[in-house]
Amino acid sequence: MPSLSRYASIVGIDRDVFMTVRGRSVSVLTIGFYLMEWFIYIGLFIFAQLFRRLIHPRFSDFSLSDPQISHMTYSQRELLFPRMFVLMLTGGITSLSGGTINALSPRYSVTRKWWNTHSTMLTILGTNAVQSVIVSVLKNITGQARPDLITRCVPNAESIGAGQSNIDIRSCGTDNLRALADGFRSFPSGTAATSFSNLTILTFMILSRVNIYQHATSSNSITLPMTGFPILFATLMSMSTLADNRHFLTDTIFGAAIGISSACLIYRQYFPPAWKRPAVTTSSNGTKFEQDLTLAYEPKRFFHDQDVSWKVDPAEAKGDTEEPQELTVRNLTKKKYQTNSHVTV
């Protein structure tokens, strides 16, 4: 991008930087960019967990006569789907499914399979990082009471005045301060956000693989239920928090919206939209090609002022009568064109 090149020239980085790996040129900036994304997503995820554990929520007073927050408290072992279990289950299923789908694709080269898998794992990590930050921040800011807050509080009768209805945490007799603080983190539902974010990605992967746009809906008696199963499973896990007295319906709906939005946002950074009809392009010899929705986008570039383009697999650029003009460098390749900058290829 020209604007980036203009500012980068100030610090002396006004062109792409290459290094030689096994006799081939590899972009240092492109590789560094993806490493930076991995570190950013990991950092965001760790920040979200620490923010939720170390920063207390906004404490507000509550009414002892409010039946909506007077339900029984269940321990982690008694929950239908504990939060960490949901994260490992949905994240594990999506990661395993993505790796399996990529590995069992005979029409793709090893390089393309590796790049698709890398993009899939980065998508899963990024989605969980984004939704975790949003959920953790909103939980502490809103300080919404859970349905089992009064049970967590264990009100101390000696600190409650005669006829007093509204109390705050100073009137609670519990010694479990962590559980009491968590009682003010009802909105939004982290379980719903986690399950919907991961399983929405799985839905996109299934949609891109089966490509339901190629067939009539009536012929998809197996495909359509298989596509909708992840969302149904996410709904089941999300609604279980209502039975566990951990969330209200609005918490679950908003958490699901966060999860789906995060999945759509991050997925589009690395893959074409699986929920749209594939684009059709026409080659120079008139042959029409339908976009393959399962293929991750090519490696990102920093500078467009160079007449160099990246390809994961040179065979993808091969025409009916033309030989590929790319040099494979594992996951990155560079065309041997003369550049506008002083880069030795």
Protein backbone atom coordinates (compact mmCIF):
# COMPACT_ATOMS: atom_id res chain seq x y z
CA MET A 1 0.00 0.00 0.00
CA PRO A 2 1.51 3.38 -1.01
CA SER A 3 0.61 5.12 2.26
CA LEU A 4 2.41 2.45 4.27
CA SER A 5 5.45 2.71 2.02
CA ARG A 6 5.53 6.48 2.50
CA TYR A 7 5.59 6.25 6.29
CA ALA A 8 7.86 3.21 6.32
CA SER A 9 10.51 5.09 4.36
CA ILE A 10 10.96 7.39 7.36
CA VAL A 11 12.34 4.52 9.42
CA GLY A 12 14.23 3.04 6.51
CA ILE A 13 11.83 0.19 5.66
CA ASP A 14 10.35 1.30 2.35
CA ARG A 15 10.38 -2.05 0.55
CA ASP A 16 9.87 -5.71 1.19
CA VAL A 17 12.72 -7.62 2.81
CA PHE A 18 13.73 -11.09 1.65
CA MET A 19 15.86 -13.88 2.96
CA THR A 20 17.05 -17.02 1.23
CA VAL A 21 15.72 -20.37 2.45
CA ARG A 22 17.02 -23.43 0.58
CA GLY A 23 17.96 -21.31 -2.39
CA ARG A 24 14.62 -19.47 -2.61
CA SER A 25 13.53 -15.98 -1.59
CA VAL A 26 11.14 -15.64 1.35
CA SER A 27 9.49 -12.42 2.52
CA VAL A 28 10.62 -11.62 6.05
CA LEU A 29 7.87 -9.02 6.48
CA THR A 30 5.12 -11.41 5.44
CA ILE A 31 6.29 -14.13 7.80
CA GLY A 32 6.78 -11.57 10.56
CA PHE A 33 3.27 -10.26 10.00
CA TYR A 34 1.69 -13.65 10.65
CA LEU A 35 3.89 -14.27 13.68
CA MET A 36 2.74 -10.93 15.00
CA GLU A 37 -0.89 -11.96 14.53
CA TRP A 38 -0.30 -15.16 16.51
CA PHE A 39 1.29 -13.20 19.36
CA ILE A 40 -1.46 -10.56 19.34
CA TYR A 41 -4.25 -13.13 19.51
CA ILE A 42 -2.51 -15.09 22.26
CA GLY A 43 -1.91 -11.86 24.16
CA LEU A 44 -5.54 -10.80 23.83
CA PHE A 45 -6.75 -14.17 25.05
CA ILE A 46 -4.44 -14.08 28.10
CA PHE A 47 -5.48 -10.48 28.81
CA ALA A 48 -9.16 -11.48 28.75
CA GLN A 49 -8.63 -14.30 31.25
CA LEU A 50 -6.56 -12.12 33.60
CA PHE A 51 -8.99 -9.20 33.32
CA ARG A 52 -11.85 -11.46 34.29
CA ARG A 53 -10.01 -13.04 37.24
CA LEU A 54 -8.03 -10.14 38.67
CA ILE A 55 -10.37 -7.16 38.10
CA HIS A 56 -13.50 -7.19 40.19
CA PRO A 57 -16.84 -6.35 38.54
CA ARG A 58 -18.99 -3.34 39.28
CA PHE A 59 -20.76 -4.13 42.55
CA SER A 60 -24.27 -2.76 42.94
CA ASP A 61 -26.96 -3.15 45.57
CA PHE A 62 -29.67 -5.76 45.12
CA SER A 63 -32.98 -6.64 46.66
CA LEU A 64 -33.42 -9.63 48.94
CA SER A 65 -37.01 -9.90 47.77
CA ASP A 66 -36.08 -10.19 44.09
CA PRO A 67 -37.11 -13.72 43.00
CA GLN A 68 -35.05 -13.53 39.80
CA ILE A 69 -31.74 -13.63 41.72
CA SER A 70 -32.82 -16.02 44.46
CA HIS A 71 -32.19 -19.33 42.70
CA MET A 72 -29.98 -22.20 43.85
CA THR A 73 -26.24 -22.14 43.18
CA TYR A 74 -24.65 -25.15 41.48
CA SER A 75 -20.97 -25.94 41.78
CA GLN A 76 -18.75 -26.33 38.70
CA ARG A 77 -19.04 -30.10 38.93
CA GLU A 78 -22.83 -29.89 38.90
CA LEU A 79 -23.07 -27.74 35.78
CA LEU A 80 -24.26 -29.36 32.58
CA PHE A 81 -21.50 -27.69 30.53
CA PRO A 82 -18.76 -25.95 32.58
CA ARG A 83 -17.22 -22.94 30.85
CA MET A 84 -13.70 -24.36 30.41
CA PHE A 85 -15.19 -27.65 29.22
CA VAL A 86 -17.16 -25.73 26.58
CA LEU A 87 -14.00 -23.94 25.43
CA MET A 88 -11.97 -27.13 25.12
CA LEU A 89 -14.82 -29.13 23.58
CA THR A 90 -15.95 -26.67 20.92
CA GLY A 91 -12.44 -25.41 20.21
CA GLY A 92 -11.12 -28.95 20.01
CA ILE A 93 -13.91 -30.17 17.73
CA THR A 94 -13.46 -27.22 15.38
CA SER A 95 -9.65 -27.52 15.31
CA LEU A 96 -9.76 -31.28 14.76
CA SER A 97 -12.41 -30.98 12.07
CA GLY A 98 -10.50 -28.22 10.29
CA GLY A 99 -7.25 -30.18 10.34
CA THR A 100 -8.97 -33.35 9.16
CA ILE A 101 -10.81 -31.60 6.34
CA ASN A 102 -7.60 -30.03 5.09
CA ALA A 103 -5.56 -33.23 5.43
CA LEU A 104 -8.13 -35.34 3.55
CA SER A 105 -8.34 -33.05 0.53
CA PRO A 106 -6.66 -35.03 -2.29
CA ARG A 107 -6.99 -32.21 -4.82
CA TYR A 108 -4.72 -29.89 -2.82
CA SER A 109 -0.94 -29.94 -2.61
CA VAL A 110 0.87 -30.37 0.70
CA THR A 111 1.74 -26.69 0.65
CA ARG A 112 -1.90 -25.68 0.23
CA LYS A 113 -3.03 -28.07 2.96
CA TRP A 114 -0.45 -26.60 5.32
CA TRP A 115 -1.50 -23.03 4.54
CA ASN A 116 -5.21 -23.82 4.92
CA THR A 117 -4.55 -25.47 8.28
CA HIS A 118 -2.46 -22.50 9.43
CA SER A 119 -5.24 -20.08 8.45
CA THR A 120 -7.87 -22.25 10.14
CA MET A 121 -6.01 -22.37 13.46
CA LEU A 122 -5.32 -18.64 13.31
CA THR A 123 -9.03 -18.05 12.69
CA ILE A 124 -10.04 -20.16 15.69
CA LEU A 125 -7.50 -18.48 17.98
CA GLY A 126 -8.41 -14.99 16.78
CA THR A 127 -12.14 -15.58 17.19
CA ASN A 128 -11.74 -16.84 20.75
CA ALA A 129 -9.41 -13.97 21.60
CA VAL A 130 -11.81 -11.31 20.31
CA GLN A 131 -14.96 -12.74 21.89
CA SER A 132 -13.14 -13.36 25.20
CA VAL A 133 -12.00 -9.73 25.44
CA ILE A 134 -15.47 -8.39 24.62
CA VAL A 135 -17.20 -10.71 27.08
CA SER A 136 -14.71 -10.15 29.92
CA VAL A 137 -14.82 -6.37 29.63
CA LEU A 138 -18.63 -6.25 29.43
CA LYS A 139 -19.02 -8.58 32.40
CA ASN A 140 -16.95 -6.35 34.68
CA ILE A 141 -18.39 -3.08 33.38
CA THR A 142 -22.07 -3.99 33.61
CA GLY A 143 -21.91 -5.90 36.90
CA GLN A 144 -25.17 -7.70 36.15
CA ALA A 145 -26.31 -10.00 38.98
CA ARG A 146 -26.62 -13.70 38.25
CA PRO A 147 -29.84 -15.62 39.02
CA ASP A 148 -28.11 -17.25 42.03
CA LEU A 149 -26.58 -14.09 43.54
CA ILE A 150 -28.45 -14.15 46.86
CA THR A 151 -27.47 -17.77 47.45
CA ARG A 152 -23.85 -16.86 46.77
CA CYS A 153 -24.10 -13.88 49.09
CA VAL A 154 -25.46 -15.71 52.17
CA PRO A 155 -26.93 -12.52 53.70
CA ASN A 156 -25.86 -11.79 57.29
CA ALA A 157 -28.99 -11.05 59.31
CA GLU A 158 -27.05 -9.04 61.88
CA SER A 159 -25.92 -6.48 59.29
CA ILE A 160 -29.38 -6.01 57.79
CA GLY A 161 -31.59 -3.41 59.39
CA ALA A 162 -35.23 -3.95 60.22
CA GLY A 163 -37.37 -3.54 57.14
CA GLN A 164 -34.31 -3.16 54.90
CA SER A 165 -34.77 -4.67 51.48
CA ASN A 166 -31.84 -3.49 49.35
CA ILE A 167 -28.37 -4.56 50.48
CA ASP A 168 -24.84 -4.61 49.06
CA ILE A 169 -21.92 -7.00 49.39
CA ARG A 170 -21.05 -5.63 52.85
CA SER A 171 -24.11 -7.47 54.13
CA CYS A 172 -22.97 -10.81 52.72
CA GLY A 173 -21.68 -13.45 55.10
CA THR A 174 -19.91 -15.72 52.59
CA ASP A 175 -16.17 -16.35 52.79
CA ASN A 176 -15.92 -17.26 49.11
CA LEU A 177 -15.25 -13.78 47.73
CA ARG A 178 -14.33 -15.06 44.28
CA ALA A 179 -17.70 -16.79 43.88
CA LEU A 180 -19.45 -13.67 45.20
CA ALA A 181 -17.66 -11.44 42.70
CA ASP A 182 -18.51 -13.86 39.90
CA GLY A 183 -22.15 -13.47 40.92
CA PHE A 184 -22.03 -10.00 39.34
CA ARG A 185 -20.82 -11.27 35.94
CA SER A 186 -24.03 -12.49 34.38
CA PHE A 187 -24.07 -10.30 31.27
CA PRO A 188 -23.17 -11.46 28.67
CA SER A 189 -22.93 -15.24 28.70
CA GLY A 190 -19.37 -16.44 28.14
CA THR A 191 -20.59 -19.98 27.51
CA ALA A 192 -22.86 -18.80 24.70
CA ALA A 193 -20.13 -16.62 23.19
CA THR A 194 -17.56 -19.43 23.28
CA SER A 195 -19.81 -22.16 21.91
CA PHE A 196 -21.27 -20.04 19.13
CA SER A 197 -17.92 -18.56 18.08
CA ASN A 198 -16.23 -21.94 17.65
CA LEU A 199 -19.17 -23.81 16.20
CA THR A 200 -20.00 -20.99 13.81
CA ILE A 201 -16.50 -21.39 12.36
CA LEU A 202 -17.18 -25.12 12.05
CA THR A 203 -20.42 -24.30 10.22
CA PHE A 204 -18.51 -22.08 7.79
CA MET A 205 -16.00 -24.85 7.14
CA ILE A 206 -18.81 -27.31 6.39
CA LEU A 207 -20.57 -24.79 4.13
CA SER A 208 -17.40 -24.12 2.18
CA ARG A 209 -16.70 -27.84 1.82
CA VAL A 210 -20.14 -29.07 0.72
CA ASN A 211 -20.92 -25.92 -1.32
CA ILE A 212 -24.69 -26.17 -1.04
CA TYR A 213 -25.07 -23.62 -3.85
CA GLN A 214 -24.10 -26.25 -6.42
CA HIS A 215 -27.14 -28.42 -5.72
CA ALA A 216 -30.85 -28.02 -5.31
CA THR A 217 -32.04 -27.70 -1.74
CA SER A 218 -34.25 -30.77 -2.13
CA SER A 219 -31.17 -32.95 -2.69
CA ASN A 220 -29.51 -31.89 0.54
CA SER A 221 -31.40 -34.10 2.99
CA ILE A 222 -28.07 -35.06 4.60
CA THR A 223 -26.01 -31.96 3.88
CA LEU A 224 -28.32 -29.39 5.43
CA PRO A 225 -28.77 -31.20 8.79
CA MET A 226 -25.02 -31.74 8.95
CA THR A 227 -24.48 -28.03 8.35
CA GLY A 228 -26.98 -26.99 11.01
CA PHE A 229 -25.86 -29.44 13.69
CA PRO A 230 -23.05 -27.23 15.10
CA ILE A 231 -25.45 -24.33 15.65
CA LEU A 232 -27.99 -26.61 17.32
CA PHE A 233 -25.25 -27.96 19.60
CA ALA A 234 -24.14 -24.43 20.44
CA THR A 235 -27.74 -23.51 21.26
CA LEU A 236 -28.05 -26.51 23.57
CA MET A 237 -24.91 -25.62 25.52
CA SER A 238 -25.93 -21.97 25.72
CA MET A 239 -29.42 -22.71 26.99
CA SER A 240 -28.02 -25.07 29.63
CA THR A 241 -26.80 -22.01 31.54
CA LEU A 242 -30.44 -21.09 32.15
CA ALA A 243 -31.06 -24.44 33.82
CA ASP A 244 -27.85 -24.01 35.83
CA ASN A 245 -29.07 -20.65 37.16
CA ARG A 246 -26.01 -18.89 35.74
CA HIS A 247 -27.61 -16.62 33.15
CA PHE A 248 -30.80 -14.97 32.02
CA LEU A 249 -32.14 -15.39 28.48
CA THR A 250 -30.94 -11.92 27.45
CA ASP A 251 -27.41 -12.83 28.60
CA THR A 252 -27.43 -15.92 26.42
CA ILE A 253 -28.82 -14.15 23.35
CA PHE A 254 -26.28 -11.34 23.58
CA GLY A 255 -23.44 -13.81 24.18
CA ALA A 256 -24.47 -15.77 21.11
CA ALA A 257 -24.50 -12.56 19.07
CA ILE A 258 -20.96 -11.75 20.23
CA GLY A 259 -19.76 -15.24 19.32
CA ILE A 260 -21.32 -15.22 15.85
CA SER A 261 -20.13 -11.67 15.10
CA SER A 262 -16.58 -12.48 16.22
CA ALA A 263 -16.53 -15.62 14.07
CA CYS A 264 -17.77 -13.73 10.99
CA LEU A 265 -15.26 -10.91 11.52
CA ILE A 266 -12.17 -13.08 11.95
CA TYR A 267 -13.16 -15.74 9.42
CA ARG A 268 -13.42 -13.10 6.69
CA GLN A 269 -9.83 -12.04 7.37
CA TYR A 270 -8.52 -15.41 6.18
CA PHE A 271 -11.23 -17.09 4.09
CA PRO A 272 -13.82 -16.04 1.48
CA PRO A 273 -17.40 -15.81 2.78
CA ALA A 274 -18.84 -19.32 2.91
CA TRP A 275 -22.37 -17.95 3.30
CA LYS A 276 -22.37 -16.38 -0.19
CA ARG A 277 -22.53 -17.92 -3.63
CA PRO A 278 -19.00 -18.52 -5.01
CA ALA A 279 -17.77 -15.98 -7.51
CA VAL A 280 -17.19 -17.11 -11.10
CA THR A 281 -14.17 -15.84 -13.02
CA THR A 282 -13.27 -16.25 -16.70
CA SER A 283 -9.71 -16.96 -17.81
CA SER A 284 -8.04 -15.47 -20.88
CA ASN A 285 -8.97 -18.52 -22.98
CA GLY A 286 -12.65 -18.26 -22.01
CA THR A 287 -12.71 -21.04 -19.42
CA LYS A 288 -14.91 -20.28 -16.41
CA PHE A 289 -13.71 -21.10 -12.90
CA GLU A 290 -15.87 -21.14 -9.79
CA GLN A 291 -14.27 -19.77 -6.64
CA ASP A 292 -13.14 -22.47 -4.22
CA LEU A 293 -14.52 -21.37 -0.85
CA THR A 294 -12.31 -23.81 1.05
CA LEU A 295 -9.08 -22.06 0.04
CA ALA A 296 -7.63 -19.57 2.49
CA TYR A 297 -6.55 -16.20 1.15
CA GLU A 298 -3.02 -15.87 -0.15
CA PRO A 299 -0.32 -14.53 2.23
CA LYS A 300 -0.74 -10.83 2.95
CA ARG A 301 1.60 -8.28 1.44
CA PHE A 302 2.94 -5.08 2.96
CA PHE A 303 3.94 -3.19 -0.17
CA HIS A 304 1.98 -3.08 -3.41
CA ASP A 305 4.42 -0.79 -5.17
CA GLN A 306 6.47 -3.85 -6.12
CA ASP A 307 5.45 -5.95 -9.12
CA VAL A 308 5.58 -9.07 -7.00
CA SER A 309 2.67 -11.28 -5.97
CA TRP A 310 2.53 -14.14 -3.50
CA LYS A 311 1.09 -17.55 -4.15
CA VAL A 312 0.72 -20.51 -1.84
CA ASP A 313 0.83 -23.06 -4.63
CA PRO A 314 2.11 -22.31 -8.13
CA ALA A 315 -0.30 -24.87 -9.60
CA GLU A 316 -3.20 -22.60 -8.66
CA ALA A 317 -2.05 -19.99 -11.19
CA LYS A 318 -1.57 -22.52 -13.97
CA GLY A 319 -3.75 -22.07 -17.06
CA ASP A 320 -4.81 -24.63 -19.62
CA THR A 321 -1.91 -23.80 -21.92
CA GLU A 322 0.46 -21.90 -19.67
CA GLU A 323 3.13 -23.16 -17.36
CA PRO A 324 3.15 -21.80 -13.81
CA GLN A 325 5.39 -18.78 -13.29
CA GLU A 326 5.80 -19.13 -9.54
CA LEU A 327 8.62 -20.51 -7.44
CA THR A 328 7.39 -22.55 -4.49
CA VAL A 329 8.91 -21.57 -1.14
CA ARG A 330 6.95 -23.89 1.08
CA ASN A 331 3.98 -21.69 2.01
CA LEU A 332 5.16 -18.53 0.18
CA THR A 333 6.30 -18.06 -3.40
CA LYS A 334 7.44 -15.03 -5.39
CA LYS A 335 7.20 -14.34 -9.09
CA LYS A 336 10.52 -13.67 -10.78
CA TYR A 337 9.50 -10.31 -12.17
CA GLN A 338 11.60 -7.19 -12.21
CA THR A 339 10.65 -5.06 -9.22
CA ASN A 340 10.39 -1.31 -8.87
CA SER A 341 12.51 -1.42 -5.74
CA HIS A 342 16.11 -2.46 -5.27
CA VAL A 343 15.50 -6.02 -4.20
CA THR A 344 17.70 -8.80 -5.45
CA VAL A 345 15.67 -11.84 -6.39
